[in-house]
Amino acid sequence: MVEMKVALAMIIQKYSFILSPAYVHAPMLLLSLKPQHGAKLVFRRIMN
């Protein structure tokens, strides 16, 4: 599990991400707030 987290952290640091323009804010209350339709993200590779 730790190796997976380290690998994911190494991959994520090469990308920036923002909410998609198609995202519709619709929170849903269960134990905590979470997006009803999921959170659509746009990933862009960071060029050095």
PDB file of N, CA and C in Angstrom:
ATOM      1  N   MET A   1       0.831  -1.186   0.000  1.00  0.00           N
ATOM      2  CA  MET A   1       0.000   0.000   0.000  1.00  0.00           C
ATOM      3  C   MET A   1       0.880   1.256   0.000  1.00  0.00           C
ATOM      4  N   VAL A   2       1.944   1.221   0.777  1.00  0.00           N
ATOM      5  CA  VAL A   2       2.837   2.382   0.836  1.00  0.00           C
ATOM      6  C   VAL A   2       3.530   2.585  -0.511  1.00  0.00           C
ATOM      7  N   GLU A   3       3.937   1.498  -1.141  1.00  0.00           N
ATOM      8  CA  GLU A   3       4.588   1.605  -2.450  1.00  0.00           C
ATOM      9  C   GLU A   3       3.638   2.212  -3.480  1.00  0.00           C
ATOM     10  N   MET A   4       2.372   1.836  -3.420  1.00  0.00           N
ATOM     11  CA  MET A   4       1.383   2.382  -4.334  1.00  0.00           C
ATOM     12  C   MET A   4       1.223   3.883  -4.120  1.00  0.00           C
ATOM     13  N   LYS A   5       1.185   4.315  -2.875  1.00  0.00           N
ATOM     14  CA  LYS A   5       1.039   5.737  -2.562  1.00  0.00           C
ATOM     15  C   LYS A   5       2.251   6.536  -3.047  1.00  0.00           C
ATOM     16  N   VAL A   6       3.438   5.977  -2.877  1.00  0.00           N
ATOM     17  CA  VAL A   6       4.652   6.653  -3.337  1.00  0.00           C
ATOM     18  C   VAL A   6       4.648   6.752  -4.863  1.00  0.00           C
ATOM     19  N   ALA A   7       4.290   5.670  -5.540  1.00  0.00           N
ATOM     20  CA  ALA A   7       4.241   5.679  -7.006  1.00  0.00           C
ATOM     21  C   ALA A   7       3.216   6.690  -7.503  1.00  0.00           C
ATOM     22  N   LEU A   8       2.047   6.734  -6.891  1.00  0.00           N
ATOM     23  CA  LEU A   8       1.009   7.687  -7.275  1.00  0.00           C
ATOM     24  C   LEU A   8       1.470   9.120  -7.040  1.00  0.00           C
ATOM     25  N   ALA A   9       2.129   9.372  -5.927  1.00  0.00           N
ATOM     26  CA  ALA A   9       2.651  10.709  -5.629  1.00  0.00           C
ATOM     27  C   ALA A   9       3.682  11.135  -6.672  1.00  0.00           C
ATOM     28  N   MET A  10       4.517  10.207  -7.117  1.00  0.00           N
ATOM     29  CA  MET A  10       5.524  10.536  -8.131  1.00  0.00           C
ATOM     30  C   MET A  10       4.876  10.852  -9.477  1.00  0.00           C
ATOM     31  N   ILE A  11       3.815  10.151  -9.812  1.00  0.00           N
ATOM     32  CA  ILE A  11       3.112  10.405 -11.070  1.00  0.00           C
ATOM     33  C   ILE A  11       2.347  11.726 -11.002  1.00  0.00           C
ATOM     34  N   ILE A  12       1.639  11.959  -9.919  1.00  0.00           N
ATOM     35  CA  ILE A  12       0.795  13.161  -9.788  1.00  0.00           C
ATOM     36  C   ILE A  12       1.608  14.445  -9.828  1.00  0.00           C
ATOM     37  N   GLN A  13       2.829  14.437  -9.328  1.00  0.00           N
ATOM     38  CA  GLN A  13       3.613  15.672  -9.291  1.00  0.00           C
ATOM     39  C   GLN A  13       4.000  16.158 -10.683  1.00  0.00           C
ATOM     40  N   LYS A  14       3.785  15.337 -11.704  1.00  0.00           N
ATOM     41  CA  LYS A  14       4.091  15.738 -13.076  1.00  0.00           C
ATOM     42  C   LYS A  14       2.871  16.318 -13.797  1.00  0.00           C
ATOM     43  N   TYR A  15       1.751  16.420 -13.103  1.00  0.00           N
ATOM     44  CA  TYR A  15       0.511  16.903 -13.697  1.00  0.00           C
ATOM     45  C   TYR A  15      -0.110  17.994 -12.830  1.00  0.00           C
ATOM     46  N   SER A  16      -0.841  18.895 -13.487  1.00  0.00           N
ATOM     47  CA  SER A  16      -1.690  19.826 -12.755  1.00  0.00           C
ATOM     48  C   SER A  16      -3.118  19.424 -13.083  1.00  0.00           C
ATOM     49  N   PHE A  17      -4.026  19.675 -12.183  1.00  0.00           N
ATOM     50  CA  PHE A  17      -5.407  19.320 -12.466  1.00  0.00           C
ATOM     51  C   PHE A  17      -6.341  20.383 -11.923  1.00  0.00           C
ATOM     52  N   ILE A  18      -7.430  20.605 -12.680  1.00  0.00           N
ATOM     53  CA  ILE A  18      -8.464  21.570 -12.328  1.00  0.00           C
ATOM     54  C   ILE A  18      -9.819  20.908 -12.551  1.00  0.00           C
ATOM     55  N   LEU A  19     -10.861  21.490 -11.983  1.00  0.00           N
ATOM     56  CA  LEU A  19     -12.204  20.982 -12.228  1.00  0.00           C
ATOM     57  C   LEU A  19     -12.591  21.233 -13.673  1.00  0.00           C
ATOM     58  N   SER A  20     -13.246  20.293 -14.271  1.00  0.00           N
ATOM     59  CA  SER A  20     -13.692  20.411 -15.657  1.00  0.00           C
ATOM     60  C   SER A  20     -14.768  21.494 -15.772  1.00  0.00           C
ATOM     61  N   PRO A  21     -14.803  22.217 -16.894  1.00  0.00           N
ATOM     62  CA  PRO A  21     -15.883  23.186 -17.109  1.00  0.00           C
ATOM     63  C   PRO A  21     -17.258  22.516 -17.124  1.00  0.00           C
ATOM     64  N   ALA A  22     -17.327  21.222 -17.390  1.00  0.00           N
ATOM     65  CA  ALA A  22     -18.595  20.490 -17.412  1.00  0.00           C
ATOM     66  C   ALA A  22     -19.057  20.086 -16.011  1.00  0.00           C
ATOM     67  N   TYR A  23     -18.248  20.330 -14.987  1.00  0.00           N
ATOM     68  CA  TYR A  23     -18.591  19.944 -13.616  1.00  0.00           C
ATOM     69  C   TYR A  23     -19.808  20.722 -13.133  1.00  0.00           C
ATOM     70  N   VAL A  24     -20.773  20.018 -12.569  1.00  0.00           N
ATOM     71  CA  VAL A  24     -21.962  20.639 -11.991  1.00  0.00           C
ATOM     72  C   VAL A  24     -21.915  20.417 -10.490  1.00  0.00           C
ATOM     73  N   HIS A  25     -21.934  21.512  -9.733  1.00  0.00           N
ATOM     74  CA  HIS A  25     -21.847  21.411  -8.280  1.00  0.00           C
ATOM     75  C   HIS A  25     -23.169  20.903  -7.723  1.00  0.00           C
ATOM     76  N   ALA A  26     -23.162  19.712  -7.162  1.00  0.00           N
ATOM     77  CA  ALA A  26     -24.348  19.114  -6.562  1.00  0.00           C
ATOM     78  C   ALA A  26     -23.898  18.256  -5.380  1.00  0.00           C
ATOM     79  N   PRO A  27     -23.650  18.897  -4.216  1.00  0.00           N
ATOM     80  CA  PRO A  27     -23.183  18.114  -3.071  1.00  0.00           C
ATOM     81  C   PRO A  27     -24.267  17.179  -2.545  1.00  0.00           C
ATOM     82  N   MET A  28     -23.821  16.043  -2.006  1.00  0.00           N
ATOM     83  CA  MET A  28     -24.721  15.052  -1.450  1.00  0.00           C
ATOM     84  C   MET A  28     -24.224  14.734  -0.043  1.00  0.00           C
ATOM     85  N   LEU A  29     -25.110  14.756   0.910  1.00  0.00           N
ATOM     86  CA  LEU A  29     -24.727  14.521   2.304  1.00  0.00           C
ATOM     87  C   LEU A  29     -24.968  13.070   2.684  1.00  0.00           C
ATOM     88  N   LEU A  30     -23.905  12.372   3.001  1.00  0.00           N
ATOM     89  CA  LEU A  30     -23.997  11.030   3.577  1.00  0.00           C
ATOM     90  C   LEU A  30     -23.340  11.145   4.949  1.00  0.00           C
ATOM     91  N   LEU A  31     -22.215  10.512   5.147  1.00  0.00           N
ATOM     92  CA  LEU A  31     -21.438  10.727   6.361  1.00  0.00           C
ATOM     93  C   LEU A  31     -20.678  12.039   6.251  1.00  0.00           C
ATOM     94  N   SER A  32     -20.298  12.373   5.031  1.00  0.00           N
ATOM     95  CA  SER A  32     -19.633  13.638   4.740  1.00  0.00           C
ATOM     96  C   SER A  32     -20.148  14.127   3.391  1.00  0.00           C
ATOM     97  N   LEU A  33     -19.774  15.339   3.028  1.00  0.00           N
ATOM     98  CA  LEU A  33     -20.197  15.866   1.736  1.00  0.00           C
ATOM     99  C   LEU A  33     -19.363  15.253   0.631  1.00  0.00           C
ATOM    100  N   LYS A  34     -20.018  14.882  -0.450  1.00  0.00           N
ATOM    101  CA  LYS A  34     -19.306  14.388  -1.619  1.00  0.00           C
ATOM    102  C   LYS A  34     -20.100  14.783  -2.852  1.00  0.00           C
ATOM    103  N   PRO A  35     -19.441  14.901  -3.997  1.00  0.00           N
ATOM    104  CA  PRO A  35     -20.154  15.293  -5.209  1.00  0.00           C
ATOM    105  C   PRO A  35     -21.124  14.196  -5.661  1.00  0.00           C
ATOM    106  N   GLN A  36     -22.343  14.587  -5.957  1.00  0.00           N
ATOM    107  CA  GLN A  36     -23.381  13.634  -6.350  1.00  0.00           C
ATOM    108  C   GLN A  36     -23.045  12.944  -7.668  1.00  0.00           C
ATOM    109  N   HIS A  37     -22.485  13.674  -8.613  1.00  0.00           N
ATOM    110  CA  HIS A  37     -22.177  13.121  -9.930  1.00  0.00           C
ATOM    111  C   HIS A  37     -20.685  12.888 -10.126  1.00  0.00           C
ATOM    112  N   GLY A  38     -19.921  12.878  -9.064  1.00  0.00           N
ATOM    113  CA  GLY A  38     -18.476  12.728  -9.161  1.00  0.00           C
ATOM    114  C   GLY A  38     -17.817  14.070  -9.461  1.00  0.00           C
ATOM    115  N   ALA A  39     -16.520  14.117  -9.368  1.00  0.00           N
ATOM    116  CA  ALA A  39     -15.770  15.344  -9.642  1.00  0.00           C
ATOM    117  C   ALA A  39     -14.952  15.112 -10.909  1.00  0.00           C
ATOM    118  N   LYS A  40     -15.385  15.721 -11.986  1.00  0.00           N
ATOM    119  CA  LYS A  40     -14.679  15.574 -13.252  1.00  0.00           C
ATOM    120  C   LYS A  40     -13.481  16.508 -13.262  1.00  0.00           C
ATOM    121  N   LEU A  41     -12.303  15.952 -13.532  1.00  0.00           N
ATOM    122  CA  LEU A  41     -11.069  16.722 -13.505  1.00  0.00           C
ATOM    123  C   LEU A  41     -10.426  16.767 -14.887  1.00  0.00           C
ATOM    124  N   VAL A  42      -9.696  17.838 -15.125  1.00  0.00           N
ATOM    125  CA  VAL A  42      -8.903  17.975 -16.339  1.00  0.00           C
ATOM    126  C   VAL A  42      -7.439  17.910 -15.914  1.00  0.00           C
ATOM    127  N   PHE A  43      -6.701  16.939 -16.455  1.00  0.00           N
ATOM    128  CA  PHE A  43      -5.290  16.781 -16.143  1.00  0.00           C
ATOM    129  C   PHE A  43      -4.454  17.370 -17.266  1.00  0.00           C
ATOM    130  N   ARG A  44      -3.434  18.102 -16.893  1.00  0.00           N
ATOM    131  CA  ARG A  44      -2.483  18.643 -17.879  1.00  0.00           C
ATOM    132  C   ARG A  44      -1.083  18.300 -17.413  1.00  0.00           C
ATOM    133  N   ARG A  45      -0.277  17.802 -18.343  1.00  0.00           N
ATOM    134  CA  ARG A  45       1.106  17.462 -18.012  1.00  0.00           C
ATOM    135  C   ARG A  45       1.892  18.740 -17.819  1.00  0.00           C
ATOM    136  N   ILE A  46       2.693  18.817 -16.771  1.00  0.00           N
ATOM    137  CA  ILE A  46       3.554  19.973 -16.506  1.00  0.00           C
ATOM    138  C   ILE A  46       4.840  19.769 -17.289  1.00  0.00           C
ATOM    139  N   MET A  47       5.095  20.676 -18.222  1.00  0.00           N
ATOM    140  CA  MET A  47       6.309  20.590 -19.032  1.00  0.00           C
ATOM    141  C   MET A  47       7.409  21.408 -18.353  1.00  0.00           C
ATOM    142  N   ASN A  48       8.552  20.815 -18.159  1.00  0.00           N
ATOM    143  CA  ASN A  48       9.675  21.519 -17.521  1.00  0.00           C
ATOM    144  C   ASN A  48      10.617  22.064 -18.552  1.00  0.00           C
TER     145      ASN A  48
END
